[in-house]
Amino acid sequence: MRIFFLALLLYTSTFAYSQKINTYVGPYDVSAFLQKGEANYQYYDDPTTYERMRKGPFKFTFTGKGDYLGANQIIEGIYKNDVKHGQWIYTLTYTDFKNGEYYQTGTMKLIANYVDGIPHGVWKATSTLKIRTKVYNRTTRKMEFEPFKEPMSADLKANFSNGILTGGLVYNLNDKLNGKIANYTCLFDSLGFYHGKAILRVGSSENIFEFDHGFLFKEVVRNLQSGAARVEDYSKDLDFVNQLRVSENENAEYKLVADRAFPSLKPVADALKTYFFSPLWHFEDIYGDELYDSDETYNPYQYDGLMLLYLRRK
């Protein structure tokens, strides 16, 4: 009994040591900026690997100076067992931040939700930006700001279920300065395949795609000014596709192949990459998102979704 008690005491002491919570407050590097920010987070040391395991609140702040003057950022969230958990909020604000010949003012924001490091729940991004230039005033003999040009606003909302893009996606862009007004609405099934209608409106053009669990069976291109429309209907193939879904015949000439490659819907992927998976959110440096893979340089964020089914010859 005494031996058991001593063993239990030793185990408890070791566990307590490994779970000793420390706090880090100090400089923090992010690769997207050449200037350091500051982080405040809690952690404990893994007794085997000696690596820091983040646990509890995390806050990153960046106050731009020099070339980054006018750019400020705050990122806040919770770590659980060294991965992101619950709601994370990423906010980047600009106040006459010099970007080339322009000075931009506005806010970019992402609200992301996680469960044990996996995107789960609603993600929402918003962006409002306006720009202006400086010109020389001959009267005051100073460089002075001109009035702001037309503002640009965008918002993107989608849902993840265990890392899979499911349910509805809505994207709106209002960029009068560059003459681009866009609206995308899409639906995805539980496996991340397009399902139902995907509608992309850009200016006076509208593209409607109708899917059955990833298989495109109707495509409509409309001119919203003239009302002219062109329809491509592939619904006659649906019965055959459904038969292949149930039981693929080894002797059949065709097979079903899942892929993301569909140029007409690339703008949806581009919107996700711009507003959800931007390098400005520092997924590599403020780690803990299990779907981020820094070795994948072209598309480091490995979520499931935007999937389509194609009939291919064997």
Protein backbone atom coordinates (compact mmCIF):
# COMPACT_ATOMS: atom_id res chain seq x y z
CA MET A 1 0.00 0.00 0.00
CA ARG A 2 2.85 2.34 0.87
CA ILE A 3 4.62 1.54 -2.45
CA PHE A 4 1.42 2.31 -4.37
CA PHE A 5 1.05 5.58 -2.49
CA LEU A 6 4.62 6.62 -3.28
CA ALA A 7 4.19 5.72 -6.96
CA LEU A 8 0.97 7.72 -7.14
CA LEU A 9 2.66 10.67 -5.45
CA LEU A 10 5.55 10.52 -7.95
CA TYR A 11 3.13 10.38 -10.91
CA THR A 12 1.11 13.29 -9.54
CA SER A 13 4.22 15.38 -9.01
CA THR A 14 5.46 14.68 -12.54
CA PHE A 15 2.07 15.51 -14.05
CA ALA A 16 1.84 18.71 -12.01
CA TYR A 17 5.31 19.74 -13.18
CA SER A 18 4.46 19.09 -16.82
CA GLN A 19 1.26 21.10 -16.49
CA LYS A 20 2.86 24.13 -14.80
CA ILE A 21 1.40 27.10 -16.64
CA ASN A 22 3.79 29.86 -17.69
CA THR A 23 3.10 33.13 -19.48
CA TYR A 24 5.04 34.56 -22.40
CA VAL A 25 4.89 38.29 -23.09
CA GLY A 26 7.33 39.61 -25.64
CA PRO A 27 8.39 40.02 -29.29
CA TYR A 28 6.83 37.73 -31.87
CA ASP A 29 7.94 37.25 -35.49
CA VAL A 30 5.49 36.83 -38.38
CA SER A 31 6.83 36.20 -41.87
CA ALA A 32 4.30 38.47 -43.60
CA PHE A 33 5.80 41.53 -41.85
CA LEU A 34 9.47 42.49 -41.60
CA GLN A 35 8.70 44.18 -38.29
CA LYS A 36 8.08 42.26 -35.06
CA GLY A 37 4.77 42.21 -33.24
CA GLU A 38 4.13 41.25 -29.64
CA ALA A 39 2.47 38.13 -28.24
CA ASN A 40 0.91 37.31 -24.89
CA TYR A 41 0.04 33.66 -24.30
CA GLN A 42 0.12 30.86 -21.76
CA TYR A 43 1.88 27.53 -22.13
CA TYR A 44 3.35 24.52 -20.37
CA ASP A 45 6.49 22.57 -21.23
CA ASP A 46 6.12 19.04 -22.54
CA PRO A 47 8.20 16.90 -20.15
CA THR A 48 9.39 14.60 -22.97
CA THR A 49 10.03 16.91 -25.93
CA TYR A 50 10.57 20.13 -23.91
CA GLU A 51 8.44 21.92 -26.50
CA ARG A 52 6.02 24.61 -25.47
CA MET A 53 2.39 23.55 -25.52
CA ARG A 54 0.08 26.53 -25.73
CA LYS A 55 -2.97 26.51 -23.51
CA GLY A 56 -5.52 29.24 -22.88
CA PRO A 57 -5.79 32.80 -24.25
CA PHE A 58 -3.48 34.05 -27.00
CA LYS A 59 -3.14 37.64 -28.20
CA PHE A 60 -0.93 39.04 -30.94
CA THR A 61 -0.61 42.79 -31.48
CA PHE A 62 1.20 44.65 -34.21
CA THR A 63 1.69 48.41 -34.35
CA GLY A 64 3.26 49.50 -37.60
CA LYS A 65 6.26 51.81 -37.73
CA GLY A 66 8.42 53.04 -40.59
CA ASP A 67 7.29 51.33 -43.81
CA TYR A 68 4.37 49.80 -41.86
CA LEU A 69 3.17 53.09 -40.36
CA GLY A 70 -0.63 53.12 -40.33
CA ALA A 71 -1.01 49.32 -40.23
CA ASN A 72 -2.15 47.75 -36.96
CA GLN A 73 -3.25 44.20 -36.18
CA ILE A 74 -4.79 42.24 -33.33
CA ILE A 75 -5.29 38.45 -33.36
CA GLU A 76 -7.02 36.80 -30.41
CA GLY A 77 -8.14 33.28 -29.63
CA ILE A 78 -7.84 30.24 -27.40
CA TYR A 79 -5.40 27.34 -27.54
CA LYS A 80 -6.30 23.86 -26.34
CA ASN A 81 -3.52 21.28 -26.30
CA ASP A 82 -1.43 23.49 -28.61
CA VAL A 83 -4.11 23.82 -31.32
CA LYS A 84 -6.70 26.49 -31.98
CA HIS A 85 -10.06 25.97 -30.33
CA GLY A 86 -13.26 27.98 -30.24
CA GLN A 87 -13.51 31.42 -31.83
CA TRP A 88 -10.49 33.24 -33.25
CA ILE A 89 -10.71 36.87 -34.37
CA TYR A 90 -8.21 38.40 -36.80
CA THR A 91 -8.39 42.19 -37.29
CA LEU A 92 -6.14 44.31 -39.51
CA THR A 93 -6.72 48.08 -39.65
CA TYR A 94 -5.19 50.65 -41.93
CA THR A 95 -5.03 54.40 -41.41
CA ASP A 96 -3.47 56.10 -44.42
CA PHE A 97 -1.11 53.17 -44.82
CA LYS A 98 1.15 53.79 -47.82
CA ASN A 99 0.72 51.08 -50.44
CA GLY A 100 2.56 52.11 -53.56
CA GLU A 101 1.29 55.48 -54.73
CA TYR A 102 -1.89 55.18 -52.64
CA TYR A 103 -2.70 55.59 -48.96
CA GLN A 104 -5.33 53.14 -47.78
CA THR A 105 -7.70 53.29 -44.84
CA GLY A 106 -10.07 50.60 -43.62
CA THR A 107 -10.44 47.29 -41.84
CA MET A 108 -10.08 43.62 -42.77
CA LYS A 109 -11.53 41.11 -40.32
CA LEU A 110 -11.89 37.34 -40.09
CA ILE A 111 -13.92 35.46 -37.49
CA ALA A 112 -13.06 31.75 -37.56
CA ASN A 113 -14.33 28.86 -35.44
CA TYR A 114 -12.43 25.70 -34.53
CA VAL A 115 -12.85 22.46 -32.63
CA ASP A 116 -9.52 20.91 -31.62
CA GLY A 117 -7.62 22.64 -34.40
CA ILE A 118 -10.11 21.78 -37.16
CA PRO A 119 -12.34 24.45 -38.78
CA HIS A 120 -15.86 23.80 -37.54
CA GLY A 121 -18.76 26.25 -37.61
CA VAL A 122 -19.30 29.58 -39.34
CA TRP A 123 -16.39 31.56 -40.78
CA LYS A 124 -17.01 35.17 -41.73
CA ALA A 125 -14.72 37.75 -43.32
CA THR A 126 -15.35 41.44 -44.01
CA SER A 127 -13.25 44.09 -45.70
CA THR A 128 -13.83 47.82 -46.14
CA LEU A 129 -11.08 49.86 -47.77
CA LYS A 130 -10.74 53.28 -49.34
CA ILE A 131 -7.71 54.94 -50.92
CA ARG A 132 -6.41 58.39 -51.67
CA THR A 133 -3.26 60.01 -52.98
CA LYS A 134 -1.07 62.92 -52.00
CA VAL A 135 -0.50 65.87 -54.35
CA TYR A 136 1.62 68.97 -54.13
CA ASN A 137 -0.33 72.09 -53.14
CA ARG A 138 1.34 75.11 -54.75
CA THR A 139 -0.35 77.51 -52.35
CA THR A 140 0.79 75.86 -49.12
CA ARG A 141 3.89 74.34 -50.75
CA LYS A 142 3.12 71.03 -49.05
CA MET A 143 2.12 67.54 -50.05
CA GLU A 144 -1.55 67.18 -49.11
CA PHE A 145 -4.15 64.43 -49.30
CA GLU A 146 -6.75 64.43 -52.03
CA PRO A 147 -10.30 63.30 -51.19
CA PHE A 148 -10.84 59.55 -50.84
CA LYS A 149 -11.82 57.66 -53.96
CA GLU A 150 -14.82 55.32 -54.12
CA PRO A 151 -14.59 52.75 -51.28
CA MET A 152 -14.38 48.99 -51.77
CA SER A 153 -16.26 46.55 -49.55
CA ALA A 154 -16.45 42.77 -49.48
CA ASP A 155 -17.86 40.07 -47.24
CA LEU A 156 -17.64 36.29 -47.30
CA LYS A 157 -19.53 33.81 -45.13
CA ALA A 158 -19.31 30.01 -45.20
CA ASN A 159 -19.62 26.99 -42.93
CA PHE A 160 -17.18 24.20 -42.09
CA SER A 161 -18.05 20.81 -40.60
CA ASN A 162 -14.95 19.03 -39.32
CA GLY A 163 -12.78 20.73 -41.92
CA ILE A 164 -15.23 20.22 -44.79
CA LEU A 165 -16.91 23.14 -46.54
CA THR A 166 -20.63 22.38 -46.17
CA GLY A 167 -23.96 24.19 -46.35
CA GLY A 168 -24.14 27.67 -47.85
CA LEU A 169 -21.52 30.14 -49.02
CA VAL A 170 -22.23 33.81 -49.79
CA TYR A 171 -19.77 36.33 -51.18
CA ASN A 172 -20.39 39.99 -52.02
CA LEU A 173 -17.99 42.47 -53.61
CA ASN A 174 -18.70 46.15 -54.19
CA ASP A 175 -15.70 47.76 -55.88
CA LYS A 176 -16.95 50.78 -57.79
CA LEU A 177 -13.46 52.21 -58.16
CA ASN A 178 -12.42 49.31 -60.40
CA GLY A 179 -15.93 48.81 -61.78
CA LYS A 180 -16.51 45.37 -60.28
CA ILE A 181 -19.71 44.33 -58.54
CA ALA A 182 -20.01 40.62 -57.74
CA ASN A 183 -22.21 38.22 -55.79
CA TYR A 184 -21.68 34.45 -55.38
CA THR A 185 -24.03 32.01 -53.67
CA CYS A 186 -23.24 28.30 -53.47
CA LEU A 187 -24.42 25.19 -51.66
CA PHE A 188 -22.36 22.15 -50.64
CA ASP A 189 -23.37 18.72 -49.38
CA SER A 190 -21.95 17.01 -46.29
CA LEU A 191 -18.90 15.78 -48.24
CA GLY A 192 -18.02 19.21 -49.66
CA PHE A 193 -19.45 18.60 -53.15
CA TYR A 194 -21.38 21.33 -54.93
CA HIS A 195 -25.08 20.57 -54.59
CA GLY A 196 -28.10 22.53 -55.77
CA LYS A 197 -27.48 25.91 -57.42
CA ALA A 198 -24.25 27.86 -57.57
CA ILE A 199 -24.92 31.38 -58.85
CA LEU A 200 -22.15 33.79 -59.82
CA ARG A 201 -23.09 37.34 -60.77
CA VAL A 202 -20.36 39.69 -61.98
CA GLY A 203 -21.55 43.00 -63.34
CA SER A 204 -24.25 42.33 -65.94
CA SER A 205 -23.33 38.64 -66.35
CA GLU A 206 -24.89 35.76 -64.45
CA ASN A 207 -23.76 32.13 -64.44
CA ILE A 208 -26.01 29.49 -62.90
CA PHE A 209 -24.71 25.97 -62.29
CA GLU A 210 -27.00 23.20 -61.06
CA PHE A 211 -25.41 20.22 -59.33
CA ASP A 212 -26.48 16.88 -57.95
CA HIS A 213 -23.92 16.00 -55.28
CA GLY A 214 -21.05 17.26 -57.40
CA PHE A 215 -22.33 16.36 -60.86
CA LEU A 216 -23.10 19.37 -63.05
CA PHE A 217 -26.33 18.72 -64.93
CA LYS A 218 -27.28 22.23 -66.06
CA GLU A 219 -25.39 25.42 -66.88
CA VAL A 220 -27.01 28.77 -67.69
CA VAL A 221 -25.29 31.94 -68.87
CA ARG A 222 -27.44 35.06 -68.79
CA ASN A 223 -27.00 38.72 -69.65
CA LEU A 224 -28.81 40.68 -66.94
CA GLN A 225 -29.14 43.73 -69.17
CA SER A 226 -30.54 42.20 -72.34
CA GLY A 227 -32.09 39.09 -70.78
CA ALA A 228 -30.38 36.81 -73.32
CA ALA A 229 -29.67 33.31 -71.98
CA ARG A 230 -27.79 30.20 -73.10
CA VAL A 231 -28.62 26.85 -71.47
CA GLU A 232 -26.55 23.66 -71.49
CA ASP A 233 -28.55 20.73 -70.11
CA TYR A 234 -26.82 17.47 -69.13
CA SER A 235 -29.63 16.06 -67.00
CA LYS A 236 -30.00 13.06 -69.32
CA ASP A 237 -26.76 11.72 -67.78
CA LEU A 238 -28.06 11.86 -64.20
CA ASP A 239 -29.61 8.37 -64.20
CA PHE A 240 -26.37 6.86 -65.46
CA VAL A 241 -24.33 8.81 -62.88
CA ASN A 242 -26.60 7.64 -60.06
CA GLN A 243 -26.22 4.04 -61.22
CA LEU A 244 -22.43 4.41 -61.06
CA ARG A 245 -22.73 5.91 -57.59
CA VAL A 246 -24.59 2.86 -56.30
CA SER A 247 -22.50 0.20 -58.00
CA GLU A 248 -19.75 0.95 -60.48
CA ASN A 249 -19.69 -1.69 -63.22
CA GLU A 250 -16.16 -2.89 -63.94
CA ASN A 251 -17.12 -3.33 -67.58
CA ALA A 252 -18.59 0.17 -67.92
CA GLU A 253 -16.91 2.54 -70.34
CA TYR A 254 -16.99 5.45 -67.87
CA LYS A 255 -16.14 6.02 -64.23
CA LEU A 256 -16.79 8.84 -61.74
CA VAL A 257 -13.84 11.03 -60.79
CA ALA A 258 -13.85 13.70 -58.06
CA ASP A 259 -11.90 16.88 -58.77
CA ARG A 260 -11.85 20.62 -58.08
CA ALA A 261 -10.77 21.61 -61.58
CA PHE A 262 -13.56 23.76 -63.02
CA PRO A 263 -12.41 27.16 -64.34
CA SER A 264 -15.89 28.70 -64.29
CA LEU A 265 -16.02 28.35 -60.49
CA LYS A 266 -12.43 29.41 -59.81
CA PRO A 267 -13.65 32.81 -58.51
CA VAL A 268 -15.19 30.99 -55.51
CA ALA A 269 -11.84 29.41 -54.63
CA ASP A 270 -10.13 32.78 -55.16
CA ALA A 271 -12.52 34.48 -52.71
CA LEU A 272 -11.79 31.84 -50.05
CA LYS A 273 -8.06 32.22 -50.57
CA THR A 274 -8.21 36.04 -50.41
CA TYR A 275 -10.41 36.49 -47.36
CA PHE A 276 -10.21 33.25 -45.32
CA PHE A 277 -6.69 31.98 -46.02
CA SER A 278 -4.75 35.20 -46.56
CA PRO A 279 -1.04 35.28 -45.56
CA LEU A 280 -2.01 38.35 -43.51
CA TRP A 281 -3.62 36.01 -40.95
CA HIS A 282 -0.23 34.34 -40.27
CA PHE A 283 -1.45 30.72 -40.17
CA GLU A 284 2.14 29.47 -40.32
CA ASP A 285 3.53 31.64 -37.53
CA ILE A 286 0.46 31.71 -35.29
CA TYR A 287 0.05 28.00 -35.67
CA GLY A 288 -2.57 25.57 -34.42
CA ASP A 289 -4.74 25.11 -37.51
CA GLU A 290 -4.45 21.42 -38.33
CA LEU A 291 -5.34 21.91 -42.01
CA TYR A 292 -2.50 24.34 -42.71
CA ASP A 293 0.49 22.71 -44.42
CA SER A 294 3.43 25.05 -44.96
CA ASP A 295 5.04 22.55 -47.35
CA GLU A 296 2.21 23.12 -49.85
CA THR A 297 3.44 26.40 -51.27
CA TYR A 298 0.71 26.89 -53.90
CA ASN A 299 -2.28 26.02 -51.73
CA PRO A 300 -1.15 25.53 -48.11
CA TYR A 301 -4.67 25.41 -46.68
CA GLN A 302 -5.88 21.82 -47.16
CA TYR A 303 -9.63 22.05 -46.50
CA ASP A 304 -12.13 19.74 -48.18
CA GLY A 305 -14.73 21.32 -50.43
CA LEU A 306 -15.50 22.85 -53.84
CA MET A 307 -15.66 19.30 -55.16
CA LEU A 308 -17.20 18.16 -58.45
CA LEU A 309 -17.88 14.78 -60.08
CA TYR A 310 -16.89 14.08 -63.66
CA LEU A 311 -17.61 11.22 -66.03
CA ARG A 312 -14.31 10.00 -67.42
CA ARG A 313 -13.49 7.22 -69.85
CA LYS A 314 -11.60 4.36 -68.25
